[in-house]
Structures are given as C-alpha cells and as structure tokens.
Amino acid sequence: MLEPVLPPFLNNRYIGDDIQTIISSDIEHLTRVSSRSNSPERGKTDFEKELSVSMASPAQVSMLTPVPMPDATLPNPEDILNQAINGLRKELMEYKKANQILQSSQANLEREMEESRFGANEKVVSMLNEEREHFNQEISQLRVTCSQAISEKLELEEKYRNSEQIWNHTEKY
C-alpha cells in the first residue's frame, strides 16, 4: 500500500520535488543569511557612504581611509550541510506525522463506509422483506377471492343448467 506524501513546502512556498532541490535551496538560504550577518556595511547604500565621506572634515577624512578589515569568515560548509540535514529531518518528521494522520483518517473513512454499506444493506433487506410480505398477503387475498369467484361461477352454471332443464321440461308440457 502506498503512503500519501505531501509536496515539500517551506514557509508556505513550494521548494521542489526532489532531495537535491531541497538541499540546494536550504544551502542557498543559509549562505544568504550568513553573508548578511557578516557584513555590517552591507546595509548602507553607495549614496550614504559617499555622503558620509563628503560631509567629513579633512581630519575626519584622513580617519576614513580604509582600514584593512579582517576577512569575513564564511560559514563552514559542514555546518551548512548539517543545518540543511537537520532541516530535512524535521521536514521528514512532519511528513511522517502528516502521513500518519492521513492513514488514520483513511482508516476511519473506510470503517465509516463499511458501516454505511452494512446499514444500507440491512435497510434494503428489510424493505424487500416488507414488500415480499405485502405481496404474499395480496396473493393470498387474490387466491381467496379467485376461489370464491370460481365457486360462485360453478354455482351459477349449476343453477343455469337446472333452470335450463326446468325450462325445457316445462316447454314440453
């Protein structure tokens, strides 16, 4: 029996249908987040940087000369991969829970359908038995009526013959 599987979503957004797509999108997301947090100057626009330099006094300008910044450390690829794997594990657990809920719902629906089917069969059998009993009563009544009609017919035929004989006998005299 196949288990129903939900498509992969992250924050209500479809992210792909295979494991490679999911891992790639997670790694890309984590890389973007880490690069944003490593660069404090990233938030300033070029216009803001030029404005701050042009408004500075000559003494301040000499202070604004670029100071060598330590290289921004990139996150460890293993950490990114581990975070992606942990995210996938959590997602897998959510899918397993959703599958269990769906399987439970399916079992309940199948049970309800079987109960409904059984109830419907009982109603049909009951209705058929009632109709059969009703028709059997009608047939019995028709038999009685038919028997009475046949006996009345025989009586009338007998009376007719008797009256015919009497008539023939009286005609001779």
N, C-alpha and C. Protein backbone atom coordinates (compact mmCIF):
# COMPACT_ATOMS: atom_id res chain seq x y z
N MET A 1 0.85 -1.18 0.00
CA MET A 1 0.00 0.00 0.00
C MET A 1 0.89 1.24 0.00
N LEU A 2 0.61 2.17 -0.86
CA LEU A 2 1.40 3.39 -0.95
C LEU A 2 0.97 4.36 0.13
N GLU A 3 1.95 5.05 0.70
CA GLU A 3 1.63 6.05 1.70
C GLU A 3 1.51 7.40 1.01
N PRO A 4 0.47 8.19 1.36
CA PRO A 4 0.37 9.51 0.75
C PRO A 4 1.50 10.41 1.24
N VAL A 5 2.06 11.20 0.33
CA VAL A 5 3.18 12.08 0.66
C VAL A 5 2.81 13.49 0.23
N LEU A 6 3.04 14.44 1.12
CA LEU A 6 2.76 15.83 0.82
C LEU A 6 3.93 16.44 0.07
N PRO A 7 3.69 17.41 -0.82
CA PRO A 7 4.80 18.06 -1.52
C PRO A 7 5.60 18.92 -0.54
N PRO A 8 6.91 19.11 -0.79
CA PRO A 8 7.73 19.88 0.15
C PRO A 8 7.42 21.37 0.08
N PHE A 9 7.10 21.95 1.22
CA PHE A 9 6.86 23.38 1.34
C PHE A 9 7.72 23.91 2.47
N LEU A 10 8.16 25.15 2.33
CA LEU A 10 8.89 25.82 3.39
C LEU A 10 8.30 27.21 3.49
N ASN A 11 7.77 27.56 4.63
CA ASN A 11 7.11 28.86 4.82
C ASN A 11 6.03 29.08 3.76
N ASN A 12 5.20 28.08 3.56
CA ASN A 12 4.09 28.14 2.60
C ASN A 12 4.56 28.41 1.18
N ARG A 13 5.78 27.95 0.83
CA ARG A 13 6.31 28.15 -0.51
C ARG A 13 6.85 26.82 -1.00
N TYR A 14 6.45 26.45 -2.20
CA TYR A 14 6.90 25.20 -2.79
C TYR A 14 8.38 25.30 -3.09
N ILE A 15 9.15 24.31 -2.66
CA ILE A 15 10.60 24.41 -2.84
C ILE A 15 11.18 23.31 -3.70
N GLY A 16 10.40 22.50 -4.31
CA GLY A 16 10.94 21.49 -5.20
C GLY A 16 10.38 20.12 -4.90
N ASP A 17 10.75 19.17 -5.74
CA ASP A 17 10.16 17.86 -5.57
C ASP A 17 11.20 16.76 -5.40
N ASP A 18 12.46 17.11 -5.32
CA ASP A 18 13.45 16.06 -5.08
C ASP A 18 14.42 16.54 -4.01
N ILE A 19 15.16 15.62 -3.46
CA ILE A 19 16.03 15.91 -2.32
C ILE A 19 17.13 16.89 -2.69
N GLN A 20 17.65 16.80 -3.94
CA GLN A 20 18.72 17.71 -4.37
C GLN A 20 18.22 19.15 -4.39
N THR A 21 17.01 19.36 -4.88
CA THR A 21 16.44 20.71 -4.92
C THR A 21 16.27 21.24 -3.50
N ILE A 22 15.81 20.39 -2.60
CA ILE A 22 15.60 20.83 -1.22
C ILE A 22 16.92 21.21 -0.57
N ILE A 23 17.93 20.36 -0.71
CA ILE A 23 19.23 20.65 -0.10
C ILE A 23 19.83 21.91 -0.70
N SER A 24 19.74 22.06 -2.04
CA SER A 24 20.30 23.25 -2.70
C SER A 24 19.63 24.51 -2.19
N SER A 25 18.29 24.48 -2.08
CA SER A 25 17.60 25.69 -1.63
C SER A 25 17.92 26.00 -0.17
N ASP A 26 18.06 24.95 0.67
CA ASP A 26 18.43 25.18 2.07
C ASP A 26 19.83 25.76 2.17
N ILE A 27 20.77 25.22 1.42
CA ILE A 27 22.15 25.72 1.46
C ILE A 27 22.19 27.17 0.97
N GLU A 28 21.46 27.44 -0.11
CA GLU A 28 21.43 28.81 -0.64
C GLU A 28 20.85 29.77 0.39
N HIS A 29 19.79 29.35 1.04
CA HIS A 29 19.15 30.20 2.06
C HIS A 29 20.11 30.45 3.23
N LEU A 30 20.76 29.41 3.71
CA LEU A 30 21.68 29.57 4.84
C LEU A 30 22.88 30.42 4.46
N THR A 31 23.37 30.30 3.23
CA THR A 31 24.51 31.11 2.78
C THR A 31 24.12 32.59 2.73
N ARG A 32 22.92 32.87 2.22
CA ARG A 32 22.45 34.26 2.16
C ARG A 32 22.31 34.84 3.56
N VAL A 33 21.77 34.08 4.47
CA VAL A 33 21.59 34.56 5.84
C VAL A 33 22.93 34.84 6.50
N SER A 34 23.89 33.94 6.30
CA SER A 34 25.19 34.13 6.95
C SER A 34 25.96 35.30 6.32
N SER A 35 25.83 35.52 5.03
CA SER A 35 26.56 36.62 4.40
C SER A 35 25.96 37.96 4.82
N ARG A 36 24.67 38.00 5.08
CA ARG A 36 24.05 39.25 5.55
C ARG A 36 24.55 39.59 6.95
N SER A 37 24.69 38.59 7.77
CA SER A 37 25.08 38.86 9.15
C SER A 37 26.56 39.19 9.28
N ASN A 38 27.40 38.81 8.32
CA ASN A 38 28.84 39.05 8.41
C ASN A 38 29.24 40.45 7.97
N SER A 39 28.43 41.15 7.21
CA SER A 39 28.84 42.43 6.65
C SER A 39 27.97 43.56 7.21
N PRO A 40 28.50 44.34 8.18
CA PRO A 40 27.69 45.44 8.72
C PRO A 40 27.54 46.58 7.73
N GLU A 41 28.48 46.75 6.81
CA GLU A 41 28.41 47.82 5.83
C GLU A 41 27.43 47.50 4.72
N ARG A 42 26.97 46.27 4.67
CA ARG A 42 26.10 45.84 3.58
C ARG A 42 24.81 46.64 3.54
N GLY A 43 24.35 47.08 4.69
CA GLY A 43 23.08 47.80 4.77
C GLY A 43 23.15 49.21 4.20
N LYS A 44 24.31 49.81 4.14
CA LYS A 44 24.44 51.18 3.63
C LYS A 44 24.48 51.17 2.11
N THR A 45 23.81 52.14 1.55
CA THR A 45 23.86 52.28 0.09
C THR A 45 25.12 53.06 -0.29
N ASP A 46 25.47 53.03 -1.56
CA ASP A 46 26.64 53.77 -2.03
C ASP A 46 26.46 55.26 -1.79
N PHE A 47 25.24 55.77 -1.95
CA PHE A 47 24.96 57.19 -1.75
C PHE A 47 25.24 57.58 -0.30
N GLU A 48 24.81 56.74 0.65
CA GLU A 48 25.04 57.04 2.06
C GLU A 48 26.53 57.04 2.38
N LYS A 49 27.28 56.13 1.78
CA LYS A 49 28.72 56.08 2.02
C LYS A 49 29.40 57.33 1.49
N GLU A 50 29.04 57.77 0.27
CA GLU A 50 29.64 58.97 -0.31
C GLU A 50 29.25 60.20 0.48
N LEU A 51 28.01 60.24 0.94
CA LEU A 51 27.53 61.38 1.71
C LEU A 51 28.31 61.51 3.01
N SER A 52 28.54 60.41 3.68
CA SER A 52 29.27 60.48 4.94
C SER A 52 30.72 60.92 4.70
N VAL A 53 31.32 60.55 3.58
CA VAL A 53 32.69 60.96 3.27
C VAL A 53 32.73 62.43 2.90
N SER A 54 31.78 62.93 2.10
CA SER A 54 31.80 64.32 1.65
C SER A 54 31.50 65.29 2.78
N MET A 55 30.79 64.87 3.79
CA MET A 55 30.44 65.77 4.89
C MET A 55 31.52 65.77 5.97
N ALA A 56 32.50 64.94 5.84
CA ALA A 56 33.53 64.83 6.88
C ALA A 56 34.56 65.95 6.71
N SER A 57 35.13 66.36 7.81
CA SER A 57 36.20 67.36 7.78
C SER A 57 37.48 66.69 7.31
N PRO A 58 38.49 67.50 6.87
CA PRO A 58 39.74 66.88 6.41
C PRO A 58 40.36 65.95 7.44
N ALA A 59 40.21 66.29 8.71
CA ALA A 59 40.79 65.42 9.74
C ALA A 59 40.04 64.10 9.78
N GLN A 60 38.72 64.23 9.61
CA GLN A 60 37.92 63.02 9.63
C GLN A 60 38.16 62.18 8.39
N VAL A 61 38.45 62.89 7.25
CA VAL A 61 38.67 62.16 6.02
C VAL A 61 39.91 61.28 6.16
N SER A 62 40.94 61.85 6.83
CA SER A 62 42.13 61.03 7.00
C SER A 62 41.82 59.83 7.88
N MET A 63 40.86 60.01 8.78
CA MET A 63 40.47 58.89 9.64
C MET A 63 39.62 57.88 8.86
N LEU A 64 39.00 58.35 7.76
CA LEU A 64 38.11 57.49 7.00
C LEU A 64 38.84 56.65 5.97
N THR A 65 40.11 56.78 5.92
CA THR A 65 40.83 55.95 4.97
C THR A 65 40.56 54.50 5.31
N PRO A 66 40.48 53.73 4.27
CA PRO A 66 40.10 52.34 4.51
C PRO A 66 41.06 51.65 5.45
N VAL A 67 40.50 51.06 6.44
CA VAL A 67 41.27 50.29 7.40
C VAL A 67 41.10 48.84 6.99
N PRO A 68 42.17 48.15 6.90
CA PRO A 68 42.01 46.75 6.49
C PRO A 68 41.13 46.01 7.49
N MET A 69 40.09 45.45 6.95
CA MET A 69 39.13 44.69 7.77
C MET A 69 39.57 43.23 7.73
N PRO A 70 39.36 42.57 8.82
CA PRO A 70 39.67 41.14 8.76
C PRO A 70 38.71 40.49 7.77
N ASP A 71 39.22 39.51 7.09
CA ASP A 71 38.36 38.82 6.11
C ASP A 71 37.13 38.27 6.80
N ALA A 72 36.00 38.52 6.14
CA ALA A 72 34.76 37.99 6.69
C ALA A 72 34.82 36.47 6.60
N THR A 73 34.58 35.87 7.70
CA THR A 73 34.65 34.41 7.71
C THR A 73 33.37 33.83 7.14
N LEU A 74 33.54 32.98 6.22
CA LEU A 74 32.39 32.31 5.65
C LEU A 74 32.02 31.14 6.54
N PRO A 75 30.74 30.84 6.56
CA PRO A 75 30.35 29.72 7.41
C PRO A 75 30.95 28.41 6.90
N ASN A 76 31.16 27.54 7.81
CA ASN A 76 31.73 26.24 7.49
C ASN A 76 30.73 25.45 6.65
N PRO A 77 31.16 24.92 5.50
CA PRO A 77 30.22 24.16 4.66
C PRO A 77 29.62 22.96 5.39
N GLU A 78 30.40 22.37 6.31
CA GLU A 78 29.85 21.25 7.07
C GLU A 78 28.69 21.69 7.94
N ASP A 79 28.85 22.91 8.54
CA ASP A 79 27.77 23.44 9.37
C ASP A 79 26.52 23.67 8.53
N ILE A 80 26.73 24.24 7.34
CA ILE A 80 25.60 24.50 6.45
C ILE A 80 24.92 23.18 6.08
N LEU A 81 25.73 22.20 5.74
CA LEU A 81 25.19 20.90 5.37
C LEU A 81 24.46 20.26 6.55
N ASN A 82 25.04 20.35 7.74
CA ASN A 82 24.39 19.79 8.93
C ASN A 82 23.07 20.48 9.22
N GLN A 83 23.04 21.81 9.06
CA GLN A 83 21.80 22.54 9.27
C GLN A 83 20.76 22.12 8.23
N ALA A 84 21.19 21.95 6.98
CA ALA A 84 20.27 21.52 5.94
C ALA A 84 19.73 20.12 6.23
N ILE A 85 20.63 19.24 6.68
CA ILE A 85 20.20 17.86 7.01
C ILE A 85 19.23 17.88 8.18
N ASN A 86 19.54 18.68 9.20
CA ASN A 86 18.61 18.79 10.35
C ASN A 86 17.25 19.32 9.91
N GLY A 87 17.28 20.32 9.02
CA GLY A 87 16.02 20.85 8.49
C GLY A 87 15.25 19.79 7.74
N LEU A 88 15.98 19.00 6.94
CA LEU A 88 15.32 17.92 6.19
C LEU A 88 14.76 16.86 7.13
N ARG A 89 15.48 16.55 8.20
CA ARG A 89 14.98 15.58 9.17
C ARG A 89 13.68 16.07 9.81
N LYS A 90 13.67 17.35 10.18
CA LYS A 90 12.46 17.92 10.78
C LYS A 90 11.30 17.85 9.78
N GLU A 91 11.61 18.19 8.54
CA GLU A 91 10.59 18.15 7.49
C GLU A 91 10.08 16.73 7.27
N LEU A 92 11.01 15.77 7.29
CA LEU A 92 10.64 14.37 7.14
C LEU A 92 9.73 13.93 8.29
N MET A 93 10.05 14.35 9.49
CA MET A 93 9.20 14.01 10.64
C MET A 93 7.81 14.60 10.48
N GLU A 94 7.74 15.83 9.97
CA GLU A 94 6.44 16.46 9.73
C GLU A 94 5.65 15.67 8.69
N TYR A 95 6.34 15.23 7.64
CA TYR A 95 5.66 14.42 6.61
C TYR A 95 5.19 13.10 7.18
N LYS A 96 6.02 12.48 8.03
CA LYS A 96 5.61 11.22 8.65
C LYS A 96 4.38 11.42 9.52
N LYS A 97 4.36 12.51 10.29
CA LYS A 97 3.19 12.81 11.13
C LYS A 97 1.96 13.04 10.24
N ALA A 98 2.16 13.81 9.17
CA ALA A 98 1.04 14.07 8.25
C ALA A 98 0.56 12.77 7.62
N ASN A 99 1.49 11.89 7.25
CA ASN A 99 1.11 10.59 6.68
C ASN A 99 0.34 9.76 7.68
N GLN A 100 0.78 9.77 8.95
CA GLN A 100 0.06 9.02 9.98
C GLN A 100 -1.35 9.55 10.15
N ILE A 101 -1.49 10.86 10.14
CA ILE A 101 -2.81 11.47 10.26
C ILE A 101 -3.67 11.08 9.07
N LEU A 102 -3.09 11.14 7.86
CA LEU A 102 -3.84 10.76 6.66
C LEU A 102 -4.24 9.28 6.69
N GLN A 103 -3.33 8.42 7.14
CA GLN A 103 -3.64 7.00 7.21
C GLN A 103 -4.74 6.74 8.23
N SER A 104 -4.68 7.43 9.35
CA SER A 104 -5.71 7.29 10.37
C SER A 104 -7.07 7.77 9.83
N SER A 105 -7.04 8.90 9.14
CA SER A 105 -8.27 9.43 8.54
C SER A 105 -8.82 8.46 7.50
N GLN A 106 -7.93 7.89 6.70
CA GLN A 106 -8.36 6.94 5.68
C GLN A 106 -8.97 5.71 6.33
N ALA A 107 -8.36 5.21 7.40
CA ALA A 107 -8.90 4.04 8.10
C ALA A 107 -10.28 4.36 8.68
N ASN A 108 -10.43 5.56 9.25
CA ASN A 108 -11.73 5.96 9.79
C ASN A 108 -12.78 6.05 8.70
N LEU A 109 -12.39 6.63 7.56
CA LEU A 109 -13.33 6.75 6.45
C LEU A 109 -13.73 5.37 5.91
N GLU A 110 -12.77 4.47 5.80
CA GLU A 110 -13.08 3.13 5.32
C GLU A 110 -14.02 2.42 6.29
N ARG A 111 -13.79 2.60 7.59
CA ARG A 111 -14.66 1.99 8.60
C ARG A 111 -16.07 2.57 8.49
N GLU A 112 -16.16 3.89 8.36
CA GLU A 112 -17.47 4.54 8.23
C GLU A 112 -18.18 4.08 6.96
N MET A 113 -17.41 3.93 5.86
CA MET A 113 -18.02 3.47 4.61
C MET A 113 -18.55 2.05 4.77
N GLU A 114 -17.79 1.20 5.44
CA GLU A 114 -18.22 -0.19 5.65
C GLU A 114 -19.48 -0.22 6.52
N GLU A 115 -19.51 0.61 7.56
CA GLU A 115 -20.70 0.68 8.42
C GLU A 115 -21.90 1.19 7.62
N SER A 116 -21.67 2.20 6.79
CA SER A 116 -22.76 2.73 5.96
C SER A 116 -23.25 1.69 4.97
N ARG A 117 -22.31 0.97 4.36
CA ARG A 117 -22.67 -0.08 3.41
C ARG A 117 -23.49 -1.17 4.11
N PHE A 118 -23.05 -1.57 5.31
CA PHE A 118 -23.76 -2.59 6.07
C PHE A 118 -25.15 -2.09 6.44
N GLY A 119 -25.25 -0.85 6.89
CA GLY A 119 -26.55 -0.27 7.24
C GLY A 119 -27.48 -0.20 6.03
N ALA A 120 -26.93 0.19 4.88
CA ALA A 120 -27.73 0.27 3.66
C ALA A 120 -28.22 -1.12 3.25
N ASN A 121 -27.33 -2.12 3.36
CA ASN A 121 -27.74 -3.49 3.02
C ASN A 121 -28.87 -3.97 3.94
N GLU A 122 -28.76 -3.65 5.23
CA GLU A 122 -29.81 -4.04 6.17
C GLU A 122 -31.14 -3.38 5.79
N LYS A 123 -31.10 -2.10 5.43
CA LYS A 123 -32.32 -1.39 5.04
C LYS A 123 -32.94 -2.02 3.79
N VAL A 124 -32.09 -2.35 2.81
CA VAL A 124 -32.60 -2.94 1.57
C VAL A 124 -33.24 -4.29 1.86
N VAL A 125 -32.59 -5.12 2.67
CA VAL A 125 -33.14 -6.43 3.01
C VAL A 125 -34.45 -6.28 3.75
N SER A 126 -34.50 -5.34 4.69
CA SER A 126 -35.73 -5.09 5.44
C SER A 126 -36.86 -4.64 4.51
N MET A 127 -36.54 -3.71 3.59
CA MET A 127 -37.56 -3.23 2.66
C MET A 127 -38.05 -4.36 1.75
N LEU A 128 -37.13 -5.19 1.27
CA LEU A 128 -37.52 -6.31 0.43
C LEU A 128 -38.42 -7.29 1.18
N ASN A 129 -38.06 -7.57 2.43
CA ASN A 129 -38.89 -8.48 3.22
C ASN A 129 -40.29 -7.92 3.44
N GLU A 130 -40.37 -6.61 3.72
CA GLU A 130 -41.68 -5.98 3.90
C GLU A 130 -42.51 -6.07 2.62
N GLU A 131 -41.86 -5.77 1.48
CA GLU A 131 -42.58 -5.83 0.21
C GLU A 131 -42.99 -7.27 -0.12
N ARG A 132 -42.11 -8.22 0.15
CA ARG A 132 -42.42 -9.62 -0.10
C ARG A 132 -43.63 -10.04 0.74
N GLU A 133 -43.63 -9.65 2.02
CA GLU A 133 -44.76 -9.98 2.90
C GLU A 133 -46.05 -9.34 2.39
N HIS A 134 -45.93 -8.10 1.97
CA HIS A 134 -47.11 -7.39 1.45
C HIS A 134 -47.65 -8.10 0.20
N PHE A 135 -46.76 -8.47 -0.72
CA PHE A 135 -47.21 -9.16 -1.94
C PHE A 135 -47.75 -10.55 -1.62
N ASN A 136 -47.14 -11.25 -0.66
CA ASN A 136 -47.67 -12.55 -0.27
C ASN A 136 -49.09 -12.43 0.29
N GLN A 137 -49.35 -11.39 1.07
CA GLN A 137 -50.70 -11.16 1.60
C GLN A 137 -51.67 -10.87 0.46
N GLU A 138 -51.22 -10.03 -0.49
CA GLU A 138 -52.09 -9.73 -1.63
C GLU A 138 -52.39 -10.98 -2.44
N ILE A 139 -51.37 -11.82 -2.65
CA ILE A 139 -51.56 -13.06 -3.41
C ILE A 139 -52.54 -13.97 -2.68
N SER A 140 -52.40 -14.06 -1.35
CA SER A 140 -53.33 -14.88 -0.58
C SER A 140 -54.76 -14.36 -0.70
N GLN A 141 -54.90 -13.07 -0.62
CA GLN A 141 -56.24 -12.48 -0.76
C GLN A 141 -56.81 -12.73 -2.16
N LEU A 142 -55.93 -12.61 -3.16
CA LEU A 142 -56.39 -12.86 -4.53
C LEU A 142 -56.77 -14.34 -4.71
N ARG A 143 -56.07 -15.25 -4.09
CA ARG A 143 -56.41 -16.68 -4.16
C ARG A 143 -57.79 -16.93 -3.56
N VAL A 144 -58.00 -16.31 -2.39
CA VAL A 144 -59.30 -16.47 -1.73
C VAL A 144 -60.39 -15.89 -2.61
N THR A 145 -60.15 -14.70 -3.13
CA THR A 145 -61.14 -14.05 -3.99
C THR A 145 -61.37 -14.87 -5.24
N CYS A 146 -60.28 -15.39 -5.82
CA CYS A 146 -60.40 -16.21 -7.03
C CYS A 146 -61.18 -17.49 -6.73
N SER A 147 -60.88 -18.14 -5.60
CA SER A 147 -61.60 -19.36 -5.21
C SER A 147 -63.08 -19.07 -5.04
N GLN A 148 -63.38 -17.95 -4.40
CA GLN A 148 -64.79 -17.58 -4.21
C GLN A 148 -65.46 -17.32 -5.56
N ALA A 149 -64.74 -16.63 -6.44
CA ALA A 149 -65.32 -16.32 -7.75
C ALA A 149 -65.56 -17.62 -8.53
N ILE A 150 -64.61 -18.57 -8.47
CA ILE A 150 -64.77 -19.84 -9.19
C ILE A 150 -65.95 -20.62 -8.61
N SER A 151 -66.05 -20.65 -7.28
CA SER A 151 -67.17 -21.40 -6.69
C SER A 151 -68.50 -20.74 -7.03
N GLU A 152 -68.53 -19.39 -7.04
CA GLU A 152 -69.76 -18.69 -7.42
C GLU A 152 -70.10 -18.98 -8.88
N LYS A 153 -69.09 -19.02 -9.73
CA LYS A 153 -69.31 -19.30 -11.14
C LYS A 153 -69.88 -20.71 -11.31
N LEU A 154 -69.29 -21.67 -10.59
CA LEU A 154 -69.80 -23.04 -10.68
C LEU A 154 -71.24 -23.14 -10.18
N GLU A 155 -71.53 -22.40 -9.11
CA GLU A 155 -72.91 -22.39 -8.60
C GLU A 155 -73.85 -21.81 -9.63
N LEU A 156 -73.41 -20.70 -10.25
CA LEU A 156 -74.27 -20.08 -11.26
C LEU A 156 -74.46 -20.99 -12.47
N GLU A 157 -73.41 -21.69 -12.89
CA GLU A 157 -73.53 -22.60 -14.02
C GLU A 157 -74.49 -23.75 -13.67
N GLU A 158 -74.37 -24.22 -12.41
CA GLU A 158 -75.27 -25.29 -11.97
C GLU A 158 -76.72 -24.80 -11.95
N LYS A 159 -76.94 -23.60 -11.45
CA LYS A 159 -78.30 -23.04 -11.43
C LYS A 159 -78.81 -22.84 -12.84
N TYR A 160 -77.91 -22.40 -13.73
CA TYR A 160 -78.31 -22.18 -15.12
C TYR A 160 -78.73 -23.50 -15.77
N ARG A 161 -77.95 -24.54 -15.54
CA ARG A 161 -78.32 -25.85 -16.10
C ARG A 161 -79.65 -26.33 -15.52
N ASN A 162 -79.78 -26.14 -14.22
CA ASN A 162 -81.05 -26.57 -13.59
C ASN A 162 -82.23 -25.78 -14.15
N SER A 163 -82.02 -24.50 -14.29
CA SER A 163 -83.11 -23.69 -14.81
C SER A 163 -83.38 -24.01 -16.28
N GLU A 164 -82.34 -24.36 -17.03
CA GLU A 164 -82.50 -24.73 -18.42
C GLU A 164 -83.27 -26.07 -18.53
N GLN A 165 -82.92 -26.97 -17.63
CA GLN A 165 -83.65 -28.24 -17.63
C GLN A 165 -85.12 -28.02 -17.27
N ILE A 166 -85.31 -27.19 -16.28
CA ILE A 166 -86.69 -26.91 -15.88
C ILE A 166 -87.42 -26.25 -17.04
N TRP A 167 -86.82 -25.39 -17.71
CA TRP A 167 -87.44 -24.69 -18.83
C TRP A 167 -87.75 -25.66 -19.96
N ASN A 168 -86.78 -26.49 -20.26
CA ASN A 168 -87.00 -27.48 -21.31
C ASN A 168 -88.13 -28.44 -20.90
N HIS A 169 -88.17 -28.80 -19.67
CA HIS A 169 -89.18 -29.70 -19.18
C HIS A 169 -90.57 -29.03 -19.21
N THR A 170 -90.65 -27.79 -18.86
CA THR A 170 -91.92 -27.09 -18.90
C THR A 170 -92.35 -26.79 -20.33
N GLU A 171 -91.48 -26.65 -21.22
CA GLU A 171 -91.81 -26.37 -22.61
C GLU A 171 -92.44 -27.60 -23.26
N LYS A 172 -92.04 -28.74 -22.87
CA LYS A 172 -92.58 -29.97 -23.43
C LYS A 172 -94.04 -30.10 -23.01
N TYR A 173 -94.47 -29.65 -21.91
CA TYR A 173 -95.81 -29.84 -21.42
C TYR A 173 -96.59 -28.66 -21.71
